Protein backbone atom coordinates (compact mmCIF):
# COMPACT_ATOMS: atom_id res chain seq x y z
CA MET A 1 93.96 138.39 91.47
CA ALA A 2 97.71 137.51 90.40
CA TYR A 3 98.46 137.05 94.12
CA LEU A 4 95.81 134.76 94.66
CA GLU A 5 96.68 132.68 91.70
CA SER A 6 100.30 132.48 92.87
CA VAL A 7 99.26 131.65 96.35
CA SER A 8 96.83 128.86 95.30
CA MET A 9 99.62 127.48 92.79
CA THR A 10 102.07 127.34 95.66
CA TRP A 11 99.43 125.52 97.88
CA TYR A 12 98.85 123.27 94.96
CA ARG A 13 102.64 122.51 94.63
CA ARG A 14 103.28 121.85 98.31
CA LYS A 15 100.27 119.62 98.51
CA ARG A 16 101.45 117.74 95.63
CA VAL A 17 104.87 117.38 97.39
CA HIS A 18 102.87 115.98 100.32
CA VAL A 19 101.22 113.41 98.42
CA ILE A 20 104.40 112.22 96.78
CA ILE A 21 105.97 112.11 100.28
CA LEU A 22 103.12 109.95 101.58
CA TRP A 23 103.24 107.79 98.62
CA ASN A 24 107.02 107.32 99.18
CA ASP A 25 106.28 106.35 102.75
CA ILE A 26 103.54 103.81 101.76
CA ASP A 27 105.78 102.46 99.19
CA ARG A 28 108.73 102.05 101.89
CA TYR A 29 106.21 100.52 104.26
CA ILE A 30 104.96 97.83 101.68
CA ARG A 31 108.51 97.11 100.71
CA THR A 32 109.39 96.46 104.55
CA LEU A 33 106.40 94.18 104.76
CA VAL A 34 107.50 92.19 101.64
CA ILE A 35 111.05 91.97 102.80
CA VAL A 36 110.18 91.04 106.26
CA PRO A 37 107.02 89.04 106.12
CA PRO A 38 105.06 89.00 109.68
CA GLU A 39 105.42 85.70 111.31
């Protein structure tokens, strides 16, 4: 059971990191749109 918990915790942590990276990408994309508005 402890093994399963540790695996699920590492998976959850990894998923959270992926979400943070995704948010950073979205934030950067929005900033580039604001800095360089489309013609």
